[in-house]
C-alpha atoms as a PDB file:
ATOM      1  CA  MET A   1      -7.736 -43.101 -17.356  1.00  0.00           C
ATOM      2  CA  ASP A   2      -8.882 -46.657 -18.601  1.00  0.00           C
ATOM      3  CA  PRO A   3     -12.623 -47.652 -18.679  1.00  0.00           C
ATOM      4  CA  ILE A   4     -13.305 -49.284 -15.191  1.00  0.00           C
ATOM      5  CA  ASP A   5     -11.341 -46.399 -13.155  1.00  0.00           C
ATOM      6  CA  ARG A   6     -13.699 -43.904 -15.054  1.00  0.00           C
ATOM      7  CA  ALA A   7     -16.955 -45.983 -14.218  1.00  0.00           C
ATOM      8  CA  LEU A   8     -15.526 -45.695 -10.529  1.00  0.00           C
ATOM      9  CA  VAL A   9     -15.286 -42.036 -10.854  1.00  0.00           C
ATOM     10  CA  GLU A  10     -18.585 -41.491 -12.184  1.00  0.00           C
ATOM     11  CA  GLU A  11     -20.222 -43.685  -9.730  1.00  0.00           C
ATOM     12  CA  ALA A  12     -18.522 -42.367  -6.626  1.00  0.00           C
ATOM     13  CA  ALA A  13     -19.503 -38.765  -7.600  1.00  0.00           C
ATOM     14  CA  LYS A  14     -22.861 -39.561  -8.323  1.00  0.00           C
ATOM     15  CA  LYS A  15     -23.491 -40.735  -5.116  1.00  0.00           C
ATOM     16  CA  SER A  16     -21.871 -38.744  -3.034  1.00  0.00           C
ATOM     17  CA  ALA A  17     -22.716 -34.909  -2.046  1.00  0.00           C
ATOM     18  CA  LEU A  18     -19.737 -33.696  -1.438  1.00  0.00           C
ATOM     19  CA  VAL A  19     -16.352 -34.058  -2.972  1.00  0.00           C
ATOM     20  CA  TRP A  20     -13.170 -32.556  -1.861  1.00  0.00           C
ATOM     21  CA  VAL A  21     -11.460 -29.998  -4.090  1.00  0.00           C
ATOM     22  CA  GLN A  22      -7.870 -28.854  -4.037  1.00  0.00           C
ATOM     23  CA  GLY A  23      -7.012 -26.184  -6.600  1.00  0.00           C
ATOM     24  CA  SER A  24      -3.321 -24.556  -7.375  1.00  0.00           C
ATOM     25  CA  GLU A  25      -4.058 -22.625  -4.076  1.00  0.00           C
ATOM     26  CA  GLY A  26      -4.950 -23.101  -0.394  1.00  0.00           C
ATOM     27  CA  ALA A  27      -6.170 -26.683   1.076  1.00  0.00           C
ATOM     28  CA  ALA A  28      -8.611 -29.171  -0.044  1.00  0.00           C
ATOM     29  CA  ARG A  29     -12.044 -27.784   0.677  1.00  0.00           C
ATOM     30  CA  ALA A  30     -15.279 -29.442   0.781  1.00  0.00           C
ATOM     31  CA  LEU A  31     -17.805 -28.555  -1.559  1.00  0.00           C
ATOM     32  CA  TRP A  32     -21.171 -29.830  -2.912  1.00  0.00           C
ATOM     33  CA  HIS A  33     -21.858 -30.534  -6.639  1.00  0.00           C
ATOM     34  CA  ILE A  34     -23.573 -32.430  -9.516  1.00  0.00           C
ATOM     35  CA  TRP A  35     -22.031 -35.097 -11.686  1.00  0.00           C
ATOM     36  CA  HIS A  36     -23.106 -33.662 -15.032  1.00  0.00           C
ATOM     37  CA  GLU A  37     -22.559 -34.732 -18.325  1.00  0.00           C
ATOM     38  CA  GLY A  38     -19.245 -36.466 -17.485  1.00  0.00           C
ATOM     39  CA  ALA A  39     -17.799 -33.634 -14.821  1.00  0.00           C
ATOM     40  CA  VAL A  40     -18.578 -32.409 -11.496  1.00  0.00           C
ATOM     41  CA  CYS A  41     -19.922 -29.324 -11.461  1.00  0.00           C
ATOM     42  CA  LEU A  42     -20.249 -26.365  -8.858  1.00  0.00           C
ATOM     43  CA  VAL A  43     -21.656 -23.266  -8.033  1.00  0.00           C
ATOM     44  CA  GLY A  44     -20.172 -20.551  -5.530  1.00  0.00           C
ATOM     45  CA  ASP A  45     -18.253 -17.369  -4.747  1.00  0.00           C
ATOM     46  CA  GLY A  46     -21.605 -15.539  -4.929  1.00  0.00           C
ATOM     47  CA  PRO A  47     -23.828 -14.362  -1.811  1.00  0.00           C
ATOM     48  CA  ASP A  48     -25.490 -17.182   0.357  1.00  0.00           C
ATOM     49  CA  GLU A  49     -23.067 -19.877  -2.355  1.00  0.00           C
ATOM     50  CA  GLN A  50     -20.191 -21.950  -1.330  1.00  0.00           C
ATOM     51  CA  PRO A  51     -17.138 -20.134  -1.046  1.00  0.00           C
ATOM     52  CA  LEU A  52     -14.548 -20.902  -4.200  1.00  0.00           C
ATOM     53  CA  LYS A  53     -12.002 -18.110  -3.618  1.00  0.00           C
ATOM     54  CA  GLY A  54      -8.559 -18.837  -2.330  1.00  0.00           C
ATOM     55  CA  LEU A  55      -8.599 -22.106  -4.131  1.00  0.00           C
ATOM     56  CA  GLY A  56      -6.978 -21.187  -7.284  1.00  0.00           C
ATOM     57  CA  LEU A  57     -10.069 -22.700  -9.262  1.00  0.00           C
ATOM     58  CA  VAL A  58      -9.054 -20.727 -12.924  1.00  0.00           C
ATOM     59  CA  ASP A  59     -10.454 -21.295 -16.266  1.00  0.00           C
ATOM     60  CA  GLY A  60      -8.225 -24.313 -18.105  1.00  0.00           C
ATOM     61  CA  GLY A  61      -6.201 -24.779 -14.412  1.00  0.00           C
ATOM     62  CA  ALA A  62      -5.902 -27.486 -12.974  1.00  0.00           C
ATOM     63  CA  ALA A  63      -7.247 -28.885  -9.842  1.00  0.00           C
ATOM     64  CA  THR A  64      -7.522 -32.251  -8.113  1.00  0.00           C
ATOM     65  CA  VAL A  65     -10.952 -33.985  -6.941  1.00  0.00           C
ATOM     66  CA  THR A  66     -11.423 -36.562  -4.004  1.00  0.00           C
ATOM     67  CA  VAL A  67     -14.824 -38.602  -3.316  1.00  0.00           C
ATOM     68  CA  ARG A  68     -15.911 -39.910   0.103  1.00  0.00           C
ATOM     69  CA  SER A  69     -17.649 -42.767   0.375  1.00  0.00           C
ATOM     70  CA  LYS A  70     -20.775 -42.528   1.516  1.00  0.00           C
ATOM     71  CA  ASP A  71     -21.474 -45.100   3.826  1.00  0.00           C
ATOM     72  CA  LYS A  72     -17.978 -44.748   5.264  1.00  0.00           C
ATOM     73  CA  GLY A  73     -16.679 -41.250   4.624  1.00  0.00           C
ATOM     74  CA  GLY A  74     -13.100 -41.910   3.910  1.00  0.00           C
ATOM     75  CA  ARG A  75     -11.419 -41.312   0.357  1.00  0.00           C
ATOM     76  CA  LEU A  76     -12.894 -43.460  -1.846  1.00  0.00           C
ATOM     77  CA  VAL A  77     -11.138 -42.390  -5.307  1.00  0.00           C
ATOM     78  CA  GLY A  78      -9.309 -39.565  -6.167  1.00  0.00           C
ATOM     79  CA  TRP A  79      -8.746 -37.988  -9.478  1.00  0.00           C
ATOM     80  CA  PRO A  80      -6.686 -35.061 -11.984  1.00  0.00           C
ATOM     81  CA  ALA A  81      -9.420 -32.804 -13.598  1.00  0.00           C
ATOM     82  CA  ARG A  82      -9.464 -29.834 -15.540  1.00  0.00           C
ATOM     83  CA  VAL A  83     -11.250 -26.913 -14.712  1.00  0.00           C
ATOM     84  CA  VAL A  84     -13.596 -25.334 -17.194  1.00  0.00           C
ATOM     85  CA  GLU A  85     -15.218 -21.986 -15.943  1.00  0.00           C
ATOM     86  CA  LEU A  86     -19.319 -21.933 -17.544  1.00  0.00           C
ATOM     87  CA  THR A  87     -20.226 -18.587 -19.396  1.00  0.00           C
ATOM     88  CA  PRO A  88     -23.524 -17.756 -18.155  1.00  0.00           C
ATOM     89  CA  ASP A  89     -26.432 -18.248 -20.226  1.00  0.00           C
ATOM     90  CA  GLY A  90     -24.191 -20.420 -22.834  1.00  0.00           C
ATOM     91  CA  GLU A  91     -25.679 -23.765 -23.680  1.00  0.00           C
ATOM     92  CA  ALA A  92     -23.864 -26.099 -21.462  1.00  0.00           C
ATOM     93  CA  TRP A  93     -24.078 -23.372 -18.532  1.00  0.00           C
ATOM     94  CA  THR A  94     -27.632 -23.615 -18.630  1.00  0.00           C
ATOM     95  CA  ALA A  95     -28.023 -27.158 -18.986  1.00  0.00           C
ATOM     96  CA  ALA A  96     -25.563 -27.574 -15.265  1.00  0.00           C
ATOM     97  CA  VAL A  97     -27.388 -24.317 -14.157  1.00  0.00           C
ATOM     98  CA  GLY A  98     -30.666 -26.759 -14.264  1.00  0.00           C
ATOM     99  CA  GLU A  99     -29.887 -29.872 -12.785  1.00  0.00           C
ATOM    100  CA  LEU A 100     -27.668 -27.349 -10.318  1.00  0.00           C
ATOM    101  CA  LYS A 101     -30.928 -25.404  -9.349  1.00  0.00           C
ATOM    102  CA  ALA A 102     -32.531 -29.229  -8.473  1.00  0.00           C
ATOM    103  CA  LYS A 103     -30.026 -29.993  -6.230  1.00  0.00           C
ATOM    104  CA  ARG A 104     -29.934 -26.526  -4.162  1.00  0.00           C
ATOM    105  CA  LEU A 105     -31.805 -27.105  -0.907  1.00  0.00           C
ATOM    106  CA  ASN A 106     -33.159 -24.125   1.172  1.00  0.00           C
ATOM    107  CA  ALA A 107     -32.606 -21.342  -1.487  1.00  0.00           C
ATOM    108  CA  ALA A 108     -34.609 -18.448  -0.773  1.00  0.00           C
ATOM    109  CA  ASP A 109     -35.038 -17.609  -4.110  1.00  0.00           C
ATOM    110  CA  ALA A 110     -35.457 -20.689  -5.970  1.00  0.00           C
ATOM    111  CA  ASP A 111     -37.377 -19.306  -8.299  1.00  0.00           C
ATOM    112  CA  THR A 112     -34.849 -16.974  -9.950  1.00  0.00           C
ATOM    113  CA  ILE A 113     -32.074 -18.730  -8.737  1.00  0.00           C
ATOM    114  CA  ALA A 114     -30.505 -18.658 -12.069  1.00  0.00           C
ATOM    115  CA  GLU A 115     -30.623 -15.466 -12.499  1.00  0.00           C
ATOM    116  CA  ARG A 116     -28.498 -14.538  -9.841  1.00  0.00           C
ATOM    117  CA  TRP A 117     -25.996 -17.257 -10.518  1.00  0.00           C
ATOM    118  CA  ALA A 118     -25.311 -15.626 -13.468  1.00  0.00           C
ATOM    119  CA  ARG A 119     -25.169 -12.189 -12.099  1.00  0.00           C
ATOM    120  CA  GLU A 120     -23.213 -12.562  -9.219  1.00  0.00           C
ATOM    121  CA  CYS A 121     -21.796 -16.416  -8.934  1.00  0.00           C
ATOM    122  CA  ARG A 122     -19.246 -19.012 -11.024  1.00  0.00           C
ATOM    123  CA  VAL A 123     -20.206 -22.303 -12.122  1.00  0.00           C
ATOM    124  CA  LEU A 124     -17.488 -24.591 -12.893  1.00  0.00           C
ATOM    125  CA  ARG A 125     -17.048 -28.003 -14.152  1.00  0.00           C
ATOM    126  CA  LEU A 126     -14.657 -30.215 -13.075  1.00  0.00           C
ATOM    127  CA  GLU A 127     -13.887 -32.599 -16.036  1.00  0.00           C
ATOM    128  CA  PRO A 128     -11.789 -35.696 -15.481  1.00  0.00           C
ATOM    129  CA  VAL A 129      -8.238 -35.892 -17.135  1.00  0.00           C
ATOM    130  CA  THR A 130      -8.718 -38.998 -19.560  1.00  0.00           C
ATOM    131  CA  ASP A 131      -4.986 -39.341 -20.380  1.00  0.00           C
ATOM    132  CA  GLY A 132      -3.662 -39.246 -16.621  1.00  0.00           C
ATOM    133  CA  PRO A 133      -4.014 -42.320 -13.692  1.00  0.00           C
ATOM    134  CA  LEU A 134      -6.457 -42.007 -10.553  1.00  0.00           C
ATOM    135  CA  VAL A 135      -4.367 -39.989  -7.708  1.00  0.00           C
ATOM    136  CA  ALA A 136      -3.080 -42.424  -5.158  1.00  0.00           C
ATOM    137  CA  ALA A 137      -4.446 -41.944  -1.918  1.00  0.00           C
ATOM    138  CA  GLU A 138      -1.845 -40.695   0.726  1.00  0.00           C
ATOM    139  CA  THR A 139      -1.506 -42.728   3.589  1.00  0.00           C
ATOM    140  CA  GLY A 140      -2.333 -42.012   6.805  1.00  0.00           C
ATOM    141  CA  SER A 141      -4.854 -39.376   8.412  1.00  0.00           C
ATOM    142  CA  LEU A 142      -5.151 -35.892   5.939  1.00  0.00           C
ATOM    143  CA  ALA A 143      -6.584 -34.681   9.718  1.00  0.00           C
ATOM    144  CA  ALA A 144      -6.062 -30.627   9.412  1.00  0.00           C
ATOM    145  CA  ALA A 145      -6.455 -28.572  12.658  1.00  0.00           C
ATOM    146  CA  PRO A 146      -9.127 -26.101  13.055  1.00  0.00           C
ATOM    147  CA  LEU A 147      -9.154 -22.812  11.959  1.00  0.00           C
ATOM    148  CA  PRO A 148      -9.319 -20.176  14.349  1.00  0.00           C
ATOM    149  CA  THR A 149     -12.542 -19.218  15.920  1.00  0.00           C
ATOM    150  CA  ALA A 150     -13.926 -17.150  18.861  1.00  0.00           C
ATOM    151  CA  ALA A 151     -16.843 -20.346  19.321  1.00  0.00           C
ATOM    152  CA  VAL A 152     -16.406 -22.312  21.968  1.00  0.00           C
ATOM    153  CA  THR A 153     -17.449 -25.820  22.787  1.00  0.00           C
ATOM    154  CA  ARG A 154     -19.731 -27.174  25.666  1.00  0.00           C
ATOM    155  CA  ARG A 155     -17.095 -27.255  29.186  1.00  0.00           C
ATOM    156  CA  ALA A 156     -17.390 -29.524  31.755  1.00  0.00           C
ATOM    157  CA  MET A 157     -20.289 -29.465  33.729  1.00  0.00           C
ATOM    158  CA  PRO A 158     -19.802 -27.887  36.939  1.00  0.00           C
ATOM    159  CA  ALA A 159     -19.743 -30.946  39.645  1.00  0.00           C
ATOM    160  CA  GLY A 160     -22.542 -30.074  41.824  1.00  0.00           C
ATOM    161  CA  LEU A 161     -25.130 -29.059  39.038  1.00  0.00           C
ATOM    162  CA  PRO A 162     -26.435 -32.731  39.398  1.00  0.00           C
ATOM    163  CA  LYS A 163     -27.468 -32.198  42.714  1.00  0.00           C
ATOM    164  CA  LEU A 164     -28.780 -28.761  41.865  1.00  0.00           C
ATOM    165  CA  ILE A 165     -31.073 -30.468  39.486  1.00  0.00           C
ATOM    166  CA  ALA A 166     -32.235 -33.434  41.584  1.00  0.00           C
ATOM    167  CA  ARG A 167     -33.046 -30.855  44.329  1.00  0.00           C
ATOM    168  CA  GLY A 168     -35.163 -29.046  41.986  1.00  0.00           C
ATOM    169  CA  LYS A 169     -37.076 -31.874  41.045  1.00  0.00           C
ATOM    170  CA  ARG A 170     -37.386 -32.957  44.155  1.00  0.00           C
ATOM    171  CA  ALA A 171     -39.260 -29.477  45.245  1.00  0.00           C
ATOM    172  CA  ARG A 172     -41.668 -29.372  42.093  1.00  0.00           C
ATOM    173  CA  GLY A 173     -42.760 -33.110  42.268  1.00  0.00           C
ATOM    174  CA  ALA A 174     -43.755 -32.166  46.179  1.00  0.00           C
ATOM    175  CA  GLY A 175     -45.907 -29.751  45.155  1.00  0.00           C
END
């Protein structure tokens, strides 16, 4: 990866709140992250945290990271990464968790979140592979069919409902 590509990766990752991560298993998944000391750092796999299971992100393994454009939402840049699982309370873990803690929104246990992450979660660094090129953007849509769910979307409004609403307004206005 040449210096211009490296700068693009860093700037894109710093500005985007989400990255799409594709590990050795499953489909790519959107994950919140921080850019810290030359790599994407993320936390997950614990209660109340983003799921990392099913992605095949193992220490020493490979992943592909894709960043979207903050203003347009389209794919901006993708790169191959090496997965490094940080050990709790190590120097790198402490530094990464300090930054992650600052960006973790709506945590009920903000004062003790680092201890919970050490006990129950995984903190990963996705380091750009420096001897390889950027990942070429795939052409066409990468849209996937939604996962099956019991949730339903709103149905069309019944044809007679506007008349009932108007009738109710007239009745309330007359009184």
